[in-house]
C-alpha atoms as a PDB file:
ATOM      1  CA  MET A   1      -4.982  -8.772 -16.803  1.00  0.00           C
ATOM      2  CA  HIS A   2      -4.966  -5.172 -18.087  1.00  0.00           C
ATOM      3  CA  THR A   3      -1.639  -3.795 -19.405  1.00  0.00           C
ATOM      4  CA  VAL A   4      -0.834  -0.389 -17.889  1.00  0.00           C
ATOM      5  CA  TRP A   5       2.575   0.128 -19.557  1.00  0.00           C
ATOM      6  CA  LYS A   6       4.437  -1.398 -22.456  1.00  0.00           C
ATOM      7  CA  GLY A   7       8.107  -0.902 -23.259  1.00  0.00           C
ATOM      8  CA  SER A   8      11.443  -2.482 -22.465  1.00  0.00           C
ATOM      9  CA  ILE A   9      13.845  -2.920 -19.558  1.00  0.00           C
ATOM     10  CA  SER A  10      17.585  -3.072 -20.159  1.00  0.00           C
ATOM     11  CA  PHE A  11      20.618  -3.926 -18.079  1.00  0.00           C
ATOM     12  CA  GLY A  12      23.955  -3.513 -19.812  1.00  0.00           C
ATOM     13  CA  LEU A  13      23.403  -4.508 -23.438  1.00  0.00           C
ATOM     14  CA  VAL A  14      20.529  -6.876 -22.626  1.00  0.00           C
ATOM     15  CA  ASN A  15      17.132  -5.526 -23.691  1.00  0.00           C
ATOM     16  CA  ILE A  16      13.858  -7.106 -22.485  1.00  0.00           C
ATOM     17  CA  PRO A  17      10.513  -6.173 -24.087  1.00  0.00           C
ATOM     18  CA  VAL A  18       7.979  -6.199 -21.245  1.00  0.00           C
ATOM     19  CA  LYS A  19       4.458  -5.293 -20.128  1.00  0.00           C
ATOM     20  CA  LEU A  20       3.435  -4.011 -16.689  1.00  0.00           C
ATOM     21  CA  HIS A  21       0.261  -5.153 -14.940  1.00  0.00           C
ATOM     22  CA  THR A  22      -1.016  -3.580 -11.705  1.00  0.00           C
ATOM     23  CA  ALA A  23      -0.240  -5.995  -8.863  1.00  0.00           C
ATOM     24  CA  THR A  24      -2.671  -4.606  -6.288  1.00  0.00           C
ATOM     25  CA  GLU A  25      -6.202  -3.209  -6.318  1.00  0.00           C
ATOM     26  CA  ASN A  26      -8.091  -0.792  -4.109  1.00  0.00           C
ATOM     27  CA  LYS A  27     -11.026  -2.550  -2.474  1.00  0.00           C
ATOM     28  CA  ASP A  28     -12.554   0.611  -0.982  1.00  0.00           C
ATOM     29  CA  ILE A  29     -16.348   0.761  -1.276  1.00  0.00           C
ATOM     30  CA  LYS A  30     -17.308   3.850  -3.254  1.00  0.00           C
ATOM     31  CA  LEU A  31     -20.372   5.691  -2.006  1.00  0.00           C
ATOM     32  CA  ARG A  32     -22.291   8.142  -4.212  1.00  0.00           C
ATOM     33  CA  GLN A  33     -23.732  11.421  -2.971  1.00  0.00           C
ATOM     34  CA  LEU A  34     -27.488  11.846  -3.504  1.00  0.00           C
ATOM     35  CA  HIS A  35     -29.898  14.695  -2.983  1.00  0.00           C
ATOM     36  CA  LYS A  36     -31.555  13.859   0.359  1.00  0.00           C
ATOM     37  CA  LYS A  37     -34.944  15.060  -0.885  1.00  0.00           C
ATOM     38  CA  CYS A  38     -35.312  12.988  -4.076  1.00  0.00           C
ATOM     39  CA  HIS A  39     -32.268  10.637  -4.001  1.00  0.00           C
ATOM     40  CA  THR A  40     -30.947  11.944  -7.324  1.00  0.00           C
ATOM     41  CA  PRO A  41     -27.138  11.625  -7.796  1.00  0.00           C
ATOM     42  CA  ILE A  42     -25.362  14.970  -7.434  1.00  0.00           C
ATOM     43  CA  ASN A  43     -23.477  16.355 -10.456  1.00  0.00           C
ATOM     44  CA  TYR A  44     -20.403  18.553 -10.220  1.00  0.00           C
ATOM     45  CA  LYS A  45     -19.729  21.391 -12.637  1.00  0.00           C
ATOM     46  CA  LYS A  46     -16.483  23.209 -13.384  1.00  0.00           C
ATOM     47  CA  VAL A  47     -17.289  26.880 -12.929  1.00  0.00           C
ATOM     48  CA  CYS A  48     -15.004  29.883 -13.360  1.00  0.00           C
ATOM     49  CA  PRO A  49     -15.508  32.077 -10.255  1.00  0.00           C
ATOM     50  CA  ASP A  50     -14.481  35.193 -12.208  1.00  0.00           C
ATOM     51  CA  CYS A  51     -16.690  34.745 -15.294  1.00  0.00           C
ATOM     52  CA  GLU A  52     -19.372  32.924 -13.301  1.00  0.00           C
ATOM     53  CA  GLU A  53     -19.931  30.470 -16.137  1.00  0.00           C
ATOM     54  CA  GLU A  54     -19.467  26.742 -16.630  1.00  0.00           C
ATOM     55  CA  VAL A  55     -16.168  25.820 -18.294  1.00  0.00           C
ATOM     56  CA  LYS A  56     -15.866  22.968 -20.800  1.00  0.00           C
ATOM     57  CA  ASN A  57     -12.848  20.630 -20.863  1.00  0.00           C
ATOM     58  CA  GLU A  58     -11.570  22.084 -24.145  1.00  0.00           C
ATOM     59  CA  ASP A  59     -11.464  25.542 -22.548  1.00  0.00           C
ATOM     60  CA  ILE A  60      -9.178  24.464 -19.693  1.00  0.00           C
ATOM     61  CA  VAL A  61      -5.382  24.838 -19.796  1.00  0.00           C
ATOM     62  CA  LYS A  62      -2.751  23.631 -17.332  1.00  0.00           C
ATOM     63  CA  ALA A  63      -0.493  26.023 -15.465  1.00  0.00           C
ATOM     64  CA  TYR A  64       2.118  26.117 -12.698  1.00  0.00           C
ATOM     65  CA  GLU A  65       1.546  28.567  -9.821  1.00  0.00           C
ATOM     66  CA  TYR A  66       5.070  29.844  -9.010  1.00  0.00           C
ATOM     67  CA  ALA A  67       3.784  32.597  -6.683  1.00  0.00           C
ATOM     68  CA  LYS A  68       0.403  33.602  -5.239  1.00  0.00           C
ATOM     69  CA  ASN A  69      -1.971  34.088  -8.233  1.00  0.00           C
ATOM     70  CA  LYS A  70       0.973  34.094 -10.696  1.00  0.00           C
ATOM     71  CA  PHE A  71       0.989  31.274 -13.255  1.00  0.00           C
ATOM     72  CA  VAL A  72       3.085  29.904 -16.088  1.00  0.00           C
ATOM     73  CA  VAL A  73       0.672  28.440 -18.675  1.00  0.00           C
ATOM     74  CA  LEU A  74       1.833  25.168 -20.252  1.00  0.00           C
ATOM     75  CA  ASP A  75       0.618  24.219 -23.726  1.00  0.00           C
ATOM     76  CA  ALA A  76      -0.861  20.752 -24.161  1.00  0.00           C
ATOM     77  CA  GLU A  77       1.462  20.186 -27.149  1.00  0.00           C
ATOM     78  CA  ASP A  78       4.563  20.932 -25.062  1.00  0.00           C
ATOM     79  CA  LEU A  79       3.471  18.564 -22.302  1.00  0.00           C
ATOM     80  CA  GLU A  80       2.608  15.809 -24.795  1.00  0.00           C
ATOM     81  CA  GLN A  81       5.985  16.105 -26.524  1.00  0.00           C
ATOM     82  CA  LEU A  82       7.857  16.050 -23.218  1.00  0.00           C
ATOM     83  CA  LYS A  83       5.864  13.011 -22.108  1.00  0.00           C
ATOM     84  CA  LYS A  84       6.543  11.183 -25.404  1.00  0.00           C
ATOM     85  CA  GLU A  85      10.290  11.866 -25.204  1.00  0.00           C
ATOM     86  CA  GLN A  86      10.445  10.229 -21.783  1.00  0.00           C
ATOM     87  CA  GLU A  87       8.101   7.327 -22.544  1.00  0.00           C
ATOM     88  CA  ASP A  88      10.021   6.351 -25.684  1.00  0.00           C
ATOM     89  CA  LYS A  89      13.139   5.660 -23.614  1.00  0.00           C
ATOM     90  CA  ALA A  90      13.878   2.086 -22.550  1.00  0.00           C
ATOM     91  CA  VAL A  91      13.802   1.587 -18.795  1.00  0.00           C
ATOM     92  CA  GLU A  92      17.468   1.123 -17.934  1.00  0.00           C
ATOM     93  CA  ILE A  93      18.517  -0.536 -14.702  1.00  0.00           C
ATOM     94  CA  ILE A  94      21.007   1.960 -13.284  1.00  0.00           C
ATOM     95  CA  ASP A  95      22.285   0.091 -10.228  1.00  0.00           C
ATOM     96  CA  PHE A  96      21.958  -3.182  -8.371  1.00  0.00           C
ATOM     97  CA  VAL A  97      21.524  -3.043  -4.593  1.00  0.00           C
ATOM     98  CA  LYS A  98      20.280  -5.161  -1.676  1.00  0.00           C
ATOM     99  CA  LEU A  99      16.561  -4.924  -0.936  1.00  0.00           C
ATOM    100  CA  GLU A 100      17.133  -4.498   2.812  1.00  0.00           C
ATOM    101  CA  GLU A 101      19.041  -1.281   2.126  1.00  0.00           C
ATOM    102  CA  ILE A 102      15.791   0.474   1.124  1.00  0.00           C
ATOM    103  CA  ASP A 103      13.524   1.698   3.919  1.00  0.00           C
ATOM    104  CA  PRO A 104       9.810   0.755   3.383  1.00  0.00           C
ATOM    105  CA  ILE A 105       8.843   4.463   3.514  1.00  0.00           C
ATOM    106  CA  TYR A 106      10.101   4.759  -0.083  1.00  0.00           C
ATOM    107  CA  PHE A 107       7.771   2.106  -1.549  1.00  0.00           C
ATOM    108  CA  GLU A 108       4.690   3.277  -3.470  1.00  0.00           C
ATOM    109  CA  LYS A 109       2.962   0.957  -5.997  1.00  0.00           C
ATOM    110  CA  SER A 110       3.574  -2.578  -7.252  1.00  0.00           C
ATOM    111  CA  TYR A 111       3.395  -3.944 -10.813  1.00  0.00           C
ATOM    112  CA  PHE A 112       3.835  -7.460 -12.182  1.00  0.00           C
ATOM    113  CA  ILE A 113       6.306  -7.612 -15.076  1.00  0.00           C
ATOM    114  CA  ALA A 114       5.501  -9.970 -17.957  1.00  0.00           C
ATOM    115  CA  PRO A 115       7.752 -10.549 -20.981  1.00  0.00           C
ATOM    116  CA  ASP A 116       6.447  -9.230 -24.274  1.00  0.00           C
ATOM    117  CA  SER A 117       6.921 -11.046 -27.585  1.00  0.00           C
ATOM    118  CA  ASN A 118      10.455 -12.507 -27.977  1.00  0.00           C
ATOM    119  CA  GLY A 119      11.406 -11.361 -24.480  1.00  0.00           C
ATOM    120  CA  SER A 120      11.153 -14.633 -22.543  1.00  0.00           C
ATOM    121  CA  LYS A 121      14.840 -15.623 -22.705  1.00  0.00           C
ATOM    122  CA  ALA A 122      16.180 -12.240 -21.569  1.00  0.00           C
ATOM    123  CA  TYR A 123      13.416 -12.072 -18.929  1.00  0.00           C
ATOM    124  CA  GLY A 124      14.517 -15.447 -17.554  1.00  0.00           C
ATOM    125  CA  LEU A 125      18.150 -14.336 -17.557  1.00  0.00           C
ATOM    126  CA  LEU A 126      17.420 -11.230 -15.464  1.00  0.00           C
ATOM    127  CA  ARG A 127      15.188 -13.206 -13.086  1.00  0.00           C
ATOM    128  CA  GLU A 128      17.890 -15.841 -12.521  1.00  0.00           C
ATOM    129  CA  GLY A 129      20.619 -13.204 -12.154  1.00  0.00           C
ATOM    130  CA  LEU A 130      18.678 -11.321  -9.480  1.00  0.00           C
ATOM    131  CA  LEU A 131      17.804 -14.569  -7.711  1.00  0.00           C
ATOM    132  CA  LYS A 132      21.382 -15.866  -7.585  1.00  0.00           C
ATOM    133  CA  SER A 133      22.923 -12.509  -6.645  1.00  0.00           C
ATOM    134  CA  LYS A 134      20.199 -11.728  -4.060  1.00  0.00           C
ATOM    135  CA  LYS A 135      20.080  -8.178  -5.481  1.00  0.00           C
ATOM    136  CA  ILE A 136      17.410  -5.878  -6.929  1.00  0.00           C
ATOM    137  CA  GLY A 137      17.673  -3.424  -9.807  1.00  0.00           C
ATOM    138  CA  ILE A 138      17.178   0.351  -9.530  1.00  0.00           C
ATOM    139  CA  ALA A 139      15.619   2.012 -12.587  1.00  0.00           C
ATOM    140  CA  LYS A 140      13.634   5.033 -13.793  1.00  0.00           C
ATOM    141  CA  ILE A 141      10.321   4.779 -15.641  1.00  0.00           C
ATOM    142  CA  MET A 142       7.722   7.209 -17.005  1.00  0.00           C
ATOM    143  CA  ILE A 143       4.166   6.198 -15.976  1.00  0.00           C
ATOM    144  CA  ARG A 144       1.128   8.417 -16.520  1.00  0.00           C
ATOM    145  CA  SER A 145       3.100  11.627 -17.181  1.00  0.00           C
ATOM    146  CA  LYS A 146       5.273  11.173 -14.096  1.00  0.00           C
ATOM    147  CA  GLU A 147       8.852   9.972 -13.958  1.00  0.00           C
ATOM    148  CA  GLN A 148       9.243   7.382 -11.226  1.00  0.00           C
ATOM    149  CA  LEU A 149      12.159   5.786  -9.490  1.00  0.00           C
ATOM    150  CA  ALA A 150      11.562   2.035  -9.349  1.00  0.00           C
ATOM    151  CA  ILE A 151      13.023  -1.272  -8.287  1.00  0.00           C
ATOM    152  CA  VAL A 152      12.943  -4.543 -10.213  1.00  0.00           C
ATOM    153  CA  ARG A 153      12.965  -7.687  -8.078  1.00  0.00           C
ATOM    154  CA  VAL A 154      12.114 -11.362  -8.138  1.00  0.00           C
ATOM    155  CA  TYR A 155       8.587 -12.207  -6.969  1.00  0.00           C
ATOM    156  CA  GLN A 156       7.532 -15.853  -6.775  1.00  0.00           C
ATOM    157  CA  THR A 157       8.321 -17.268 -10.257  1.00  0.00           C
ATOM    158  CA  GLY A 158       8.608 -13.934 -12.068  1.00  0.00           C
ATOM    159  CA  LEU A 159       9.650 -10.306 -11.848  1.00  0.00           C
ATOM    160  CA  MET A 160       7.977  -7.363 -10.170  1.00  0.00           C
ATOM    161  CA  MET A 161       8.485  -3.613 -10.464  1.00  0.00           C
ATOM    162  CA  GLU A 162       7.756  -1.366  -7.501  1.00  0.00           C
ATOM    163  CA  THR A 163       7.778   2.397  -7.891  1.00  0.00           C
ATOM    164  CA  ILE A 164       9.520   4.193  -5.058  1.00  0.00           C
ATOM    165  CA  HIS A 165       9.605   7.828  -3.980  1.00  0.00           C
ATOM    166  CA  PHE A 166      12.519  10.087  -4.835  1.00  0.00           C
ATOM    167  CA  PRO A 167      14.425  11.250  -1.722  1.00  0.00           C
ATOM    168  CA  ASP A 168      13.014  14.797  -1.958  1.00  0.00           C
ATOM    169  CA  GLU A 169       9.471  13.349  -1.866  1.00  0.00           C
ATOM    170  CA  VAL A 170      10.041  11.858   1.599  1.00  0.00           C
ATOM    171  CA  ARG A 171       9.509  14.412   4.358  1.00  0.00           C
ATOM    172  CA  LYS A 172      12.054  14.854   7.124  1.00  0.00           C
ATOM    173  CA  PHE A 173      11.234  13.105  10.367  1.00  0.00           C
ATOM    174  CA  GLU A 174      12.871  15.990  12.249  1.00  0.00           C
ATOM    175  CA  ASP A 175       9.868  18.126  11.243  1.00  0.00           C
ATOM    176  CA  VAL A 176       7.420  15.866  13.111  1.00  0.00           C
ATOM    177  CA  PRO A 177       6.160  17.768  16.199  1.00  0.00           C
ATOM    178  CA  ASN A 178       6.051  16.520  19.806  1.00  0.00           C
ATOM    179  CA  VAL A 179       8.354  13.513  19.362  1.00  0.00           C
ATOM    180  CA  PRO A 180       9.769  12.752  22.827  1.00  0.00           C
ATOM    181  CA  GLU A 181      13.514  12.605  23.312  1.00  0.00           C
ATOM    182  CA  GLU A 182      15.184   9.447  24.582  1.00  0.00           C
ATOM    183  CA  GLN A 183      13.439   8.323  27.743  1.00  0.00           C
ATOM    184  CA  GLU A 184      14.850   6.509  30.758  1.00  0.00           C
ATOM    185  CA  ILE A 185      13.316   3.031  30.557  1.00  0.00           C
ATOM    186  CA  VAL A 186      12.587   0.970  33.665  1.00  0.00           C
ATOM    187  CA  LYS A 187      14.197  -2.477  33.182  1.00  0.00           C
ATOM    188  CA  LYS A 188      11.164  -4.315  34.582  1.00  0.00           C
ATOM    189  CA  GLU A 189       8.891  -2.589  32.050  1.00  0.00           C
ATOM    190  CA  LEU A 190      11.323  -3.299  29.184  1.00  0.00           C
ATOM    191  CA  ASP A 191      11.566  -6.991  30.144  1.00  0.00           C
ATOM    192  CA  ALA A 192       7.767  -7.263  30.237  1.00  0.00           C
ATOM    193  CA  ALA A 193       7.489  -5.481  26.860  1.00  0.00           C
ATOM    194  CA  LEU A 194      10.057  -7.848  25.307  1.00  0.00           C
ATOM    195  CA  MET A 195       8.194 -10.833  26.738  1.00  0.00           C
ATOM    196  CA  LEU A 196       4.918  -9.563  25.262  1.00  0.00           C
ATOM    197  CA  ILE A 197       6.566  -9.005  21.861  1.00  0.00           C
ATOM    198  CA  GLU A 198       7.973 -12.545  21.981  1.00  0.00           C
ATOM    199  CA  GLN A 199       4.588 -14.049  22.855  1.00  0.00           C
ATOM    200  CA  LEU A 200       2.867 -12.154  20.020  1.00  0.00           C
ATOM    201  CA  THR A 201       5.578 -13.027  17.465  1.00  0.00           C
ATOM    202  CA  THR A 202       4.345 -15.292  14.663  1.00  0.00           C
ATOM    203  CA  PRO A 203       5.222 -16.012  11.005  1.00  0.00           C
ATOM    204  CA  PHE A 204       3.577 -13.423   8.745  1.00  0.00           C
ATOM    205  CA  ASP A 205       0.423 -14.812   7.154  1.00  0.00           C
ATOM    206  CA  PRO A 206      -1.401 -12.137   5.120  1.00  0.00           C
ATOM    207  CA  GLU A 207      -4.507 -14.327   4.872  1.00  0.00           C
ATOM    208  CA  LYS A 208      -5.286 -13.869   8.584  1.00  0.00           C
ATOM    209  CA  TYR A 209      -5.860 -10.124   8.181  1.00  0.00           C
ATOM    210  CA  GLN A 210      -8.895  -8.466   6.594  1.00  0.00           C
ATOM    211  CA  ASP A 211     -10.531  -5.067   6.251  1.00  0.00           C
ATOM    212  CA  ASP A 212     -13.142  -5.333   9.038  1.00  0.00           C
ATOM    213  CA  TYR A 213     -14.708  -1.963   8.213  1.00  0.00           C
ATOM    214  CA  ARG A 214     -15.216  -2.842   4.535  1.00  0.00           C
ATOM    215  CA  HIS A 215     -16.776  -6.211   5.393  1.00  0.00           C
ATOM    216  CA  ALA A 216     -19.090  -4.607   7.989  1.00  0.00           C
ATOM    217  CA  LEU A 217     -20.094  -1.890   5.502  1.00  0.00           C
ATOM    218  CA  MET A 218     -20.946  -4.494   2.834  1.00  0.00           C
ATOM    219  CA  GLU A 219     -23.028  -6.445   5.379  1.00  0.00           C
ATOM    220  CA  LEU A 220     -24.905  -3.247   6.242  1.00  0.00           C
ATOM    221  CA  ILE A 221     -25.513  -2.534   2.543  1.00  0.00           C
ATOM    222  CA  GLU A 222     -26.789  -6.074   1.939  1.00  0.00           C
ATOM    223  CA  LYS A 223     -29.166  -5.826   4.930  1.00  0.00           C
ATOM    224  CA  LYS A 224     -30.471  -2.488   3.642  1.00  0.00           C
ATOM    225  CA  LYS A 225     -31.030  -4.055   0.219  1.00  0.00           C
ATOM    226  CA  ALA A 226     -32.950  -6.940   1.791  1.00  0.00           C
ATOM    227  CA  GLY A 227     -35.075  -4.556   3.858  1.00  0.00           C
ATOM    228  CA  GLU A 228     -33.911  -5.965   7.183  1.00  0.00           C
ATOM    229  CA  GLU A 229     -33.859  -3.928  10.359  1.00  0.00           C
ATOM    230  CA  VAL A 230     -30.341  -2.814  11.236  1.00  0.00           C
ATOM    231  CA  VAL A 231     -29.296  -2.798  14.875  1.00  0.00           C
ATOM    232  CA  THR A 232     -26.113  -1.467  16.414  1.00  0.00           C
ATOM    233  CA  THR A 233     -24.332  -3.411  19.135  1.00  0.00           C
ATOM    234  CA  THR A 234     -21.898  -1.955  21.638  1.00  0.00           C
ATOM    235  CA  GLN A 235     -18.441  -3.419  21.105  1.00  0.00           C
ATOM    236  CA  GLU A 236     -16.705  -4.957  24.064  1.00  0.00           C
ATOM    237  CA  ALA A 237     -13.791  -2.861  25.305  1.00  0.00           C
ATOM    238  CA  LYS A 238     -10.421  -4.257  24.275  1.00  0.00           C
ATOM    239  CA  THR A 239      -8.564  -3.230  27.422  1.00  0.00           C
ATOM    240  CA  ASP A 240      -9.463  -3.421  31.101  1.00  0.00           C
ATOM    241  CA  SER A 241     -10.711  -0.148  32.537  1.00  0.00           C
ATOM    242  CA  ASN A 242      -8.559  -0.544  35.660  1.00  0.00           C
ATOM    243  CA  VAL A 243      -5.301  -0.564  33.714  1.00  0.00           C
ATOM    244  CA  THR A 244      -3.801   2.805  34.541  1.00  0.00           C
ATOM    245  CA  ASP A 245      -0.004   2.457  34.172  1.00  0.00           C
ATOM    246  CA  ILE A 246       2.460   0.901  31.733  1.00  0.00           C
ATOM    247  CA  MET A 247       3.423  -2.057  33.921  1.00  0.00           C
ATOM    248  CA  SER A 248      -0.206  -2.944  34.596  1.00  0.00           C
ATOM    249  CA  ALA A 249      -1.008  -2.683  30.910  1.00  0.00           C
ATOM    250  CA  LEU A 250       1.924  -4.938  29.992  1.00  0.00           C
ATOM    251  CA  GLN A 251       1.004  -7.516  32.632  1.00  0.00           C
ATOM    252  CA  ALA A 252      -2.648  -7.511  31.565  1.00  0.00           C
ATOM    253  CA  SER A 253      -1.563  -7.985  27.950  1.00  0.00           C
ATOM    254  CA  LEU A 254       0.743 -10.859  28.902  1.00  0.00           C
ATOM    255  CA  ASP A 255      -2.050 -12.555  30.855  1.00  0.00           C
ATOM    256  CA  LYS A 256      -4.444 -12.244  27.891  1.00  0.00           C
ATOM    257  CA  THR A 257      -1.821 -13.595  25.492  1.00  0.00           C
ATOM    258  CA  LYS A 258      -1.137 -16.592  27.746  1.00  0.00           C
ATOM    259  CA  GLN A 259      -4.868 -17.362  27.876  1.00  0.00           C
ATOM    260  CA  LYS A 260      -5.119 -17.267  24.091  1.00  0.00           C
ATOM    261  CA  LYS A 261      -2.100 -19.529  23.585  1.00  0.00           C
ATOM    262  CA  ALA A 262      -2.932 -22.003  26.378  1.00  0.00           C
ATOM    263  CA  PRO A 263      -3.684 -25.424  24.803  1.00  0.00           C
ATOM    264  CA  ALA A 264      -7.195 -26.750  25.418  1.00  0.00           C
ATOM    265  CA  LYS A 265      -7.394 -29.625  27.924  1.00  0.00           C
ATOM    266  CA  LYS A 266      -8.368 -32.910  26.327  1.00  0.00           C
ATOM    267  CA  LYS A 267     -11.649 -34.320  27.629  1.00  0.00           C
ATOM    268  CA  THR A 268     -11.396 -37.789  29.141  1.00  0.00           C
ATOM    269  CA  SER A 269     -13.835 -40.111  27.399  1.00  0.00           C
ATOM    270  CA  THR A 270     -16.403 -42.139  29.357  1.00  0.00           C
ATOM    271  CA  LYS A 271     -14.783 -45.305  28.050  1.00  0.00           C
ATOM    272  CA  ALA A 272     -11.389 -44.311  29.399  1.00  0.00           C
ATOM    273  CA  LYS A 273     -12.906 -43.560  32.820  1.00  0.00           C
ATOM    274  CA  LYS A 274     -14.473 -47.066  32.992  1.00  0.00           C
ATOM    275  CA  ASN A 275     -11.214 -48.758  32.072  1.00  0.00           C
ATOM    276  CA  ALA A 276      -9.324 -46.813  34.732  1.00  0.00           C
END
């Protein structure tokens, strides 16, 4: 598994040399853009609109736009030095908190934590401490030129780090338009909704979910490769067309759920019938 970061995590005077490995992967299917006429892949050039000439990577500098068309140019050396100063620091666990105190909106990316050389004992100590205390650690880490807030928690038999957004990176919900104010709820509708929620409640099993679009796209690609004719079928509507109000929709949903959960009747064997 590829190492994306190498350093150390500390809590108090305990220092743990560790490596981070990306815990998730993007399974999106990447499609290339081709010239429709000759099917040649399209290239993209960096062109200066003022000079009207192609710009090479070594001729590009980074800058911060503090006002319209006004920039502060940042030297590559300054950025590299700043990055090195932050990366050389050990990741220190600042606080210990309960996981349920953090809203899921803060979570960003997950990494597996593995102990580096001579770090197994301290790694095991932190893992056991978090497990027994039922707490997680809050820390800061520099990954790919960006300082991140992160949590360290127990995952299965090891430790995991999950980067989380800083508070000023989370937008205010008050700015969301057209959110209705508190509505007067009809008790009959609420009871039906609660019943539907109860009937659809099940232990979470991630294996039962899949990316239907990605699988369908791969099937289409494979058929194209094999030279098969591709046909499109009309999908069956998920809801009844005569459902026009909330109560009807809830009742229809409850009826469908009952049908799905109804146990299949056992067939009486011919032998059993003869013995009867």
